[in-house]
Structures are given as structure tokens and as C-alpha cells.
C-alpha atoms as a PDB file:
ATOM      1  CA  MET A   1     -12.005 -11.078  -3.488  1.00  0.00           C
ATOM      2  CA  LYS A   2     -14.248 -11.129  -0.415  1.00  0.00           C
ATOM      3  CA  GLU A   3     -12.769 -14.523   0.476  1.00  0.00           C
ATOM      4  CA  TYR A   4      -9.253 -13.092   0.216  1.00  0.00           C
ATOM      5  CA  CYS A   5     -10.193 -10.243   2.587  1.00  0.00           C
ATOM      6  CA  GLU A   6     -11.734 -12.690   5.052  1.00  0.00           C
ATOM      7  CA  LEU A   7      -8.582 -14.804   4.922  1.00  0.00           C
ATOM      8  CA  LEU A   8      -6.448 -11.782   5.803  1.00  0.00           C
ATOM      9  CA  GLU A   9      -8.620 -11.231   8.893  1.00  0.00           C
ATOM     10  CA  LEU A  10      -8.167 -14.835   9.956  1.00  0.00           C
ATOM     11  CA  GLU A  11      -4.393 -14.354   9.811  1.00  0.00           C
ATOM     12  CA  PHE A  12      -4.182 -11.394  12.207  1.00  0.00           C
ATOM     13  CA  GLN A  13      -2.819 -13.766  14.855  1.00  0.00           C
ATOM     14  CA  GLN A  14       0.290 -14.211  12.702  1.00  0.00           C
ATOM     15  CA  ILE A  15       1.288 -10.591  13.379  1.00  0.00           C
ATOM     16  CA  ASN A  16       3.633 -10.468  16.364  1.00  0.00           C
ATOM     17  CA  LYS A  17       3.138  -8.187  19.356  1.00  0.00           C
ATOM     18  CA  ASP A  18       5.866  -5.690  18.463  1.00  0.00           C
ATOM     19  CA  ARG A  19       4.541  -5.302  14.945  1.00  0.00           C
ATOM     20  CA  LYS A  20       1.000  -4.811  16.222  1.00  0.00           C
ATOM     21  CA  GLU A  21       2.231  -2.012  18.470  1.00  0.00           C
ATOM     22  CA  LEU A  22       3.729  -0.269  15.436  1.00  0.00           C
ATOM     23  CA  LEU A  23       0.569  -0.762  13.422  1.00  0.00           C
ATOM     24  CA  SER A  24      -1.600   0.641  16.209  1.00  0.00           C
ATOM     25  CA  GLY A  25       0.097   4.002  15.690  1.00  0.00           C
ATOM     26  CA  LEU A  26      -1.259   4.196  12.149  1.00  0.00           C
ATOM     27  CA  SER A  27      -4.706   3.129  13.357  1.00  0.00           C
ATOM     28  CA  LYS A  28      -4.642   5.952  15.887  1.00  0.00           C
ATOM     29  CA  TYR A  29      -3.544   8.452  13.237  1.00  0.00           C
ATOM     30  CA  ILE A  30      -6.414   7.504  10.928  1.00  0.00           C
ATOM     31  CA  SER A  31      -8.971   7.575  13.765  1.00  0.00           C
ATOM     32  CA  GLU A  32      -7.783  11.005  14.896  1.00  0.00           C
ATOM     33  CA  LYS A  33      -8.200  12.392  11.378  1.00  0.00           C
ATOM     34  CA  PHE A  34     -11.742  11.023  11.211  1.00  0.00           C
ATOM     35  CA  ASN A  35     -12.517  12.511  14.626  1.00  0.00           C
ATOM     36  CA  MET A  36     -11.404  15.915  13.315  1.00  0.00           C
ATOM     37  CA  ASN A  37     -13.620  15.451  10.232  1.00  0.00           C
ATOM     38  CA  LYS A  38     -10.547  15.320   8.036  1.00  0.00           C
ATOM     39  CA  ILE A  39      -9.693  12.865   5.276  1.00  0.00           C
ATOM     40  CA  PRO A  40      -6.644  10.735   6.168  1.00  0.00           C
ATOM     41  CA  LYS A  41      -3.983  10.761   3.456  1.00  0.00           C
ATOM     42  CA  ILE A  42      -1.479   7.909   3.435  1.00  0.00           C
ATOM     43  CA  VAL A  43       1.570   7.753   1.168  1.00  0.00           C
ATOM     44  CA  VAL A  44       3.142   4.292   0.966  1.00  0.00           C
ATOM     45  CA  MET A  45       6.834   4.631   0.114  1.00  0.00           C
ATOM     46  CA  CYS A  46       9.609   2.336  -1.058  1.00  0.00           C
ATOM     47  CA  THR A  47      12.767   3.045  -3.043  1.00  0.00           C
ATOM     48  CA  HIS A  48      11.645   2.481  -6.643  1.00  0.00           C
ATOM     49  CA  ASN A  49       7.850   2.650  -6.265  1.00  0.00           C
ATOM     50  CA  SER A  50       7.592  -0.594  -8.197  1.00  0.00           C
ATOM     51  CA  ARG A  51       6.415  -3.391  -5.898  1.00  0.00           C
ATOM     52  CA  ARG A  52       5.723  -3.097  -2.146  1.00  0.00           C
ATOM     53  CA  SER A  53       4.493   0.494  -2.216  1.00  0.00           C
ATOM     54  CA  HIS A  54       1.874  -0.289  -4.887  1.00  0.00           C
ATOM     55  CA  MET A  55       0.772  -3.359  -2.982  1.00  0.00           C
ATOM     56  CA  GLY A  56       0.413  -1.275   0.162  1.00  0.00           C
ATOM     57  CA  GLN A  57      -1.586   1.473  -1.517  1.00  0.00           C
ATOM     58  CA  LEU A  58      -4.015  -0.862  -3.239  1.00  0.00           C
ATOM     59  CA  LEU A  59      -4.546  -3.072  -0.197  1.00  0.00           C
ATOM     60  CA  LEU A  60      -5.143  -0.029   2.007  1.00  0.00           C
ATOM     61  CA  SER A  61      -7.774   1.194  -0.460  1.00  0.00           C
ATOM     62  CA  LEU A  62      -9.373  -2.239  -0.625  1.00  0.00           C
ATOM     63  CA  GLY A  63      -9.366  -2.532   3.161  1.00  0.00           C
ATOM     64  CA  ALA A  64     -11.037   0.856   3.640  1.00  0.00           C
ATOM     65  CA  ASP A  65     -13.763  -0.282   1.252  1.00  0.00           C
ATOM     66  CA  TYR A  66     -14.075  -3.693   2.911  1.00  0.00           C
ATOM     67  CA  TYR A  67     -14.513  -2.154   6.374  1.00  0.00           C
ATOM     68  CA  LYS A  68     -16.818   0.562   4.990  1.00  0.00           C
ATOM     69  CA  LEU A  69     -14.734   3.352   6.479  1.00  0.00           C
ATOM     70  CA  PRO A  70     -15.123   7.029   5.571  1.00  0.00           C
ATOM     71  CA  GLU A  71     -12.918   8.257   2.757  1.00  0.00           C
ATOM     72  CA  ILE A  72      -9.191   7.531   2.994  1.00  0.00           C
ATOM     73  CA  GLN A  73      -6.886   8.829   0.280  1.00  0.00           C
ATOM     74  CA  THR A  74      -4.014   6.499  -0.544  1.00  0.00           C
ATOM     75  CA  PHE A  75      -0.914   7.117  -2.635  1.00  0.00           C
ATOM     76  CA  SER A  76       2.337   5.355  -3.477  1.00  0.00           C
ATOM     77  CA  SER A  77       5.727   6.855  -4.239  1.00  0.00           C
ATOM     78  CA  GLY A  78       9.452   6.221  -4.066  1.00  0.00           C
ATOM     79  CA  THR A  79      12.738   7.987  -3.698  1.00  0.00           C
ATOM     80  CA  GLU A  80      12.927   7.579  -7.494  1.00  0.00           C
ATOM     81  CA  ALA A  81      10.545   6.572 -10.284  1.00  0.00           C
ATOM     82  CA  THR A  82      10.927   3.349 -12.282  1.00  0.00           C
ATOM     83  CA  ALA A  83       7.780   1.374 -13.263  1.00  0.00           C
ATOM     84  CA  PHE A  84       5.018  -0.654 -11.614  1.00  0.00           C
ATOM     85  CA  ASN A  85       6.642  -4.094 -11.809  1.00  0.00           C
ATOM     86  CA  GLU A  86       4.837  -6.699 -13.914  1.00  0.00           C
ATOM     87  CA  ARG A  87       5.389  -9.390 -11.265  1.00  0.00           C
ATOM     88  CA  ALA A  88       3.702  -7.254  -8.623  1.00  0.00           C
ATOM     89  CA  ILE A  89       0.870  -6.566 -11.049  1.00  0.00           C
ATOM     90  CA  LYS A  90       0.408 -10.305 -11.577  1.00  0.00           C
ATOM     91  CA  ALA A  91       0.197 -10.860  -7.812  1.00  0.00           C
ATOM     92  CA  MET A  92      -2.386  -8.105  -7.411  1.00  0.00           C
ATOM     93  CA  ARG A  93      -4.460  -9.474 -10.275  1.00  0.00           C
ATOM     94  CA  LYS A  94      -4.529 -12.837  -8.504  1.00  0.00           C
ATOM     95  CA  VAL A  95      -6.039 -11.095  -5.477  1.00  0.00           C
ATOM     96  CA  GLY A  96      -8.835  -9.832  -7.731  1.00  0.00           C
ATOM     97  CA  PHE A  97      -7.760  -6.353  -8.802  1.00  0.00           C
ATOM     98  CA  ASP A  98      -8.673  -5.421 -12.376  1.00  0.00           C
ATOM     99  CA  ILE A  99      -5.483  -3.787 -13.689  1.00  0.00           C
ATOM    100  CA  TYR A 100      -5.238  -2.608 -17.278  1.00  0.00           C
ATOM    101  CA  THR A 101      -3.432  -0.041 -19.410  1.00  0.00           C
ATOM    102  CA  LYS A 102      -3.499   1.313 -22.935  1.00  0.00           C
ATOM    103  CA  ASN A 103       0.215   2.105 -23.067  1.00  0.00           C
ATOM    104  CA  GLU A 104       2.114  -1.018 -22.064  1.00  0.00           C
ATOM    105  CA  GLU A 105       4.908  -0.027 -24.453  1.00  0.00           C
ATOM    106  CA  ASP A 106       5.847   2.944 -22.267  1.00  0.00           C
ATOM    107  CA  ALA A 107       8.796   2.601 -19.896  1.00  0.00           C
ATOM    108  CA  ASN A 108       6.531   3.705 -17.025  1.00  0.00           C
ATOM    109  CA  PRO A 109       2.959   2.765 -18.020  1.00  0.00           C
ATOM    110  CA  VAL A 110      -0.060   4.287 -16.295  1.00  0.00           C
ATOM    111  CA  TYR A 111      -2.429   1.530 -15.169  1.00  0.00           C
ATOM    112  CA  GLU A 112      -6.091   1.896 -14.250  1.00  0.00           C
ATOM    113  CA  ILE A 113      -7.061  -0.252 -11.295  1.00  0.00           C
ATOM    114  CA  LYS A 114     -10.471  -1.281  -9.949  1.00  0.00           C
ATOM    115  CA  TRP A 115     -12.072  -4.029  -7.899  1.00  0.00           C
ATOM    116  CA  ARG A 116     -15.672  -2.899  -8.426  1.00  0.00           C
ATOM    117  CA  ASP A 117     -17.183  -1.867 -11.767  1.00  0.00           C
ATOM    118  CA  GLU A 118     -18.868   1.251 -10.385  1.00  0.00           C
ATOM    119  CA  MET A 119     -15.788   2.745  -8.666  1.00  0.00           C
ATOM    120  CA  ASN A 120     -13.451   5.375 -10.064  1.00  0.00           C
ATOM    121  CA  ALA A 121     -10.229   3.763 -11.231  1.00  0.00           C
ATOM    122  CA  ILE A 122      -7.030   4.285  -9.256  1.00  0.00           C
ATOM    123  CA  LYS A 123      -4.147   5.322 -11.492  1.00  0.00           C
ATOM    124  CA  GLY A 124      -1.055   3.235 -10.793  1.00  0.00           C
ATOM    125  CA  PHE A 125       2.355   4.239 -12.038  1.00  0.00           C
ATOM    126  CA  SER A 126       5.796   4.813 -10.578  1.00  0.00           C
ATOM    127  CA  LYS A 127       6.537   8.264  -9.188  1.00  0.00           C
ATOM    128  CA  SER A 128       8.805  10.009  -6.696  1.00  0.00           C
ATOM    129  CA  ILE A 129       7.688  11.744  -3.527  1.00  0.00           C
ATOM    130  CA  HIS A 130       8.011  15.045  -5.426  1.00  0.00           C
ATOM    131  CA  HIS A 131       5.410  14.159  -8.066  1.00  0.00           C
ATOM    132  CA  PRO A 132       2.528  16.702  -8.178  1.00  0.00           C
ATOM    133  CA  THR A 133      -0.075  14.024  -7.364  1.00  0.00           C
ATOM    134  CA  ILE A 134       1.552  13.314  -3.973  1.00  0.00           C
ATOM    135  CA  PRO A 135       0.293  15.367  -0.978  1.00  0.00           C
ATOM    136  CA  LYS A 136       2.615  18.089   0.232  1.00  0.00           C
ATOM    137  CA  GLU A 137       1.272  18.444   3.783  1.00  0.00           C
ATOM    138  CA  ASN A 138      -0.780  16.675   6.450  1.00  0.00           C
ATOM    139  CA  PHE A 139      -0.188  13.108   5.331  1.00  0.00           C
ATOM    140  CA  ALA A 140       1.138   9.880   6.820  1.00  0.00           C
ATOM    141  CA  ALA A 141       4.282   8.368   5.288  1.00  0.00           C
ATOM    142  CA  LEU A 142       4.331   4.578   5.507  1.00  0.00           C
ATOM    143  CA  MET A 143       7.890   3.438   4.757  1.00  0.00           C
ATOM    144  CA  VAL A 144       7.705  -0.150   3.545  1.00  0.00           C
ATOM    145  CA  CYS A 145      11.409  -0.605   2.817  1.00  0.00           C
ATOM    146  CA  SER A 146      14.399   0.200   4.999  1.00  0.00           C
ATOM    147  CA  GLU A 147      16.292   1.835   2.118  1.00  0.00           C
ATOM    148  CA  ALA A 148      13.601   4.459   1.552  1.00  0.00           C
ATOM    149  CA  ASP A 149      13.392   5.077   5.296  1.00  0.00           C
ATOM    150  CA  LYS A 150      17.147   5.657   5.423  1.00  0.00           C
ATOM    151  CA  ASP A 151      17.282   7.759   2.241  1.00  0.00           C
ATOM    152  CA  CYS A 152      14.483  10.086   3.388  1.00  0.00           C
ATOM    153  CA  PRO A 153      15.340  11.087   6.974  1.00  0.00           C
ATOM    154  CA  ILE A 154      13.027  14.102   6.606  1.00  0.00           C
ATOM    155  CA  ILE A 155       9.799  14.155   4.601  1.00  0.00           C
ATOM    156  CA  SER A 156       8.464  17.670   4.283  1.00  0.00           C
ATOM    157  CA  GLY A 157       4.791  18.103   5.190  1.00  0.00           C
ATOM    158  CA  CYS A 158       4.437  14.670   6.766  1.00  0.00           C
ATOM    159  CA  ASP A 159       2.568  14.715  10.092  1.00  0.00           C
ATOM    160  CA  PHE A 160       3.005  10.995  10.858  1.00  0.00           C
ATOM    161  CA  ARG A 161       5.748   8.628   9.798  1.00  0.00           C
ATOM    162  CA  LEU A 162       5.963   4.880  10.297  1.00  0.00           C
ATOM    163  CA  ALA A 163       8.863   2.618   9.318  1.00  0.00           C
ATOM    164  CA  LEU A 164       7.245  -0.709   8.465  1.00  0.00           C
ATOM    165  CA  PRO A 165       9.706  -2.599   6.251  1.00  0.00           C
ATOM    166  CA  PHE A 166       8.811  -5.743   4.318  1.00  0.00           C
ATOM    167  CA  ASP A 167      11.283  -8.030   2.542  1.00  0.00           C
ATOM    168  CA  ASP A 168      11.602  -7.227  -1.162  1.00  0.00           C
ATOM    169  CA  PRO A 169      10.219 -10.017  -3.391  1.00  0.00           C
ATOM    170  CA  LYS A 170      12.593  -8.746  -6.102  1.00  0.00           C
ATOM    171  CA  ALA A 171      15.248 -10.994  -4.536  1.00  0.00           C
ATOM    172  CA  PHE A 172      13.408 -13.982  -6.027  1.00  0.00           C
ATOM    173  CA  ASP A 173      12.939 -12.632  -9.570  1.00  0.00           C
ATOM    174  CA  GLY A 174      13.779 -15.280 -12.137  1.00  0.00           C
ATOM    175  CA  THR A 175      13.728 -18.154  -9.628  1.00  0.00           C
ATOM    176  CA  GLU A 176      11.294 -20.994  -9.024  1.00  0.00           C
ATOM    177  CA  LEU A 177      10.064 -19.160  -5.921  1.00  0.00           C
ATOM    178  CA  GLU A 178       9.265 -15.912  -7.743  1.00  0.00           C
ATOM    179  CA  GLU A 179       5.480 -16.248  -7.955  1.00  0.00           C
ATOM    180  CA  SER A 180       5.016 -17.678  -4.465  1.00  0.00           C
ATOM    181  CA  LYS A 181       7.176 -14.952  -2.892  1.00  0.00           C
ATOM    182  CA  TYR A 182       5.215 -12.165  -4.569  1.00  0.00           C
ATOM    183  CA  ASP A 183       1.984 -13.762  -3.396  1.00  0.00           C
ATOM    184  CA  GLU A 184       3.449 -14.142   0.097  1.00  0.00           C
ATOM    185  CA  ARG A 185       4.511 -10.502   0.262  1.00  0.00           C
ATOM    186  CA  CYS A 186       1.142  -9.323  -0.995  1.00  0.00           C
ATOM    187  CA  LYS A 187      -0.622 -11.317   1.696  1.00  0.00           C
ATOM    188  CA  GLU A 188       1.752 -10.121   4.426  1.00  0.00           C
ATOM    189  CA  ILE A 189       1.219  -6.470   3.525  1.00  0.00           C
ATOM    190  CA  GLY A 190      -2.528  -7.011   3.215  1.00  0.00           C
ATOM    191  CA  ARG A 191      -2.713  -8.763   6.574  1.00  0.00           C
ATOM    192  CA  GLU A 192      -1.046  -5.832   8.330  1.00  0.00           C
ATOM    193  CA  VAL A 193      -2.921  -2.967   6.655  1.00  0.00           C
ATOM    194  CA  PHE A 194      -6.213  -4.803   7.192  1.00  0.00           C
ATOM    195  CA  TYR A 195      -5.282  -5.137  10.867  1.00  0.00           C
ATOM    196  CA  VAL A 196      -4.733  -1.361  10.989  1.00  0.00           C
ATOM    197  CA  LEU A 197      -8.100  -0.637   9.399  1.00  0.00           C
ATOM    198  CA  SER A 198      -9.971  -3.209  11.484  1.00  0.00           C
ATOM    199  CA  ARG A 199      -8.887  -1.355  14.614  1.00  0.00           C
ATOM    200  CA  VAL A 200     -10.227   1.889  13.148  1.00  0.00           C
ATOM    201  CA  ALA A 201     -13.509   0.218  12.254  1.00  0.00           C
ATOM    202  CA  PHE A 202     -14.176  -1.705  15.470  1.00  0.00           C
ATOM    203  CA  GLU A 203     -12.435   0.037  18.349  1.00  0.00           C
END
């Protein structure tokens, strides 16, 4: 997993200038929270909370650990709840996340996720922005799909909002490119959130 994180750092140059300017806003938000001795809370949102939003949450959490930052609370949600998609889970397992559940028969299973034995597991399941586990005030909303950004013009309690859309790997489900596209999207999201956190850590 350390090698995967190091690879993401080596790929920062693939992020274009305009995208880096967007990402710097989230870096500034996190730094300002730390400077006020507050815990940054980041909710990663997409429409169905099934793929990109889970990737974003987990990679943000991994990045905060990798850069040894103070506590950052990460969440994922959608405009509606479905299920954490099995293809996205496969891609995250390939990164090195330990993802398991005792209730795979459920329509919306609750997964426990770790990358270190001694850490508390992150619970991963699909939920809407209104779920009780999602912060209701003083949080950043990271919109990783254009549909969610359009469907939620106002997010109550949010004190920072960033539209940062990524292409949906769902478009390749059932094709020969399915696995490679999920891996590609995972790496793209990881590259950008690691860039955000590297700026917090080193600037």
C-alpha cells in the first residue's frame, strides 16, 4: 500500500493547472480548520453513494494517515442511497484496503474497512446526505459527480463546497474495460486527494 501512495505522489504532475487551483481551495479549508484547532470534516458526495464517493472518502482517510496529519473526519453520501458497488470494492481491495462484511446478502451491506490492523474500522455503506451519521454543520462538501452537484444546489450546514467531478466508471460495467476503468478512476481520485493533503502537510 505504501508503494501505491508513493506512486500517487509521483503522478501529481498529471494534474492540470486549473484542477490544481480547485484542489488548493480544499487544502486551504483543511489548513484553516487545523489552525483553529478544529477537526476538518469532509463529506464526499455523488448521486448514488456507490462508487466515486466511497473511493474519495477512503483515499482521503488513507492520505491523512500517510501524511501523518492531525485528525480529519471523512464521510461519503449521495442524493439517494443504493449500495457500495462490488466493482468499486474490488478496486479498493486491489489498492490494499481490507474490506469485509457479515451481511453480504443485504441490499445495502455495511462493510468494515481497514488498512492497518490496529485502526478502528471505517463503516462503508450507501447513505443519503440526510443520514444521521453525516455532519449537519461545519463540513466541506466535495461533489465528485456533476449530477449530485446539480441536484443539491444548497447543502445545509456546509461551510465549504467544491465541485470536483470525475467520470463515472459505471459506464464500463460489463465490458472488457470494466476493471481497468475502475482502477483508473481510483488512481485519479487518489492522486488528487493526495495532492490536497500534501499541500496541507508541507506548505
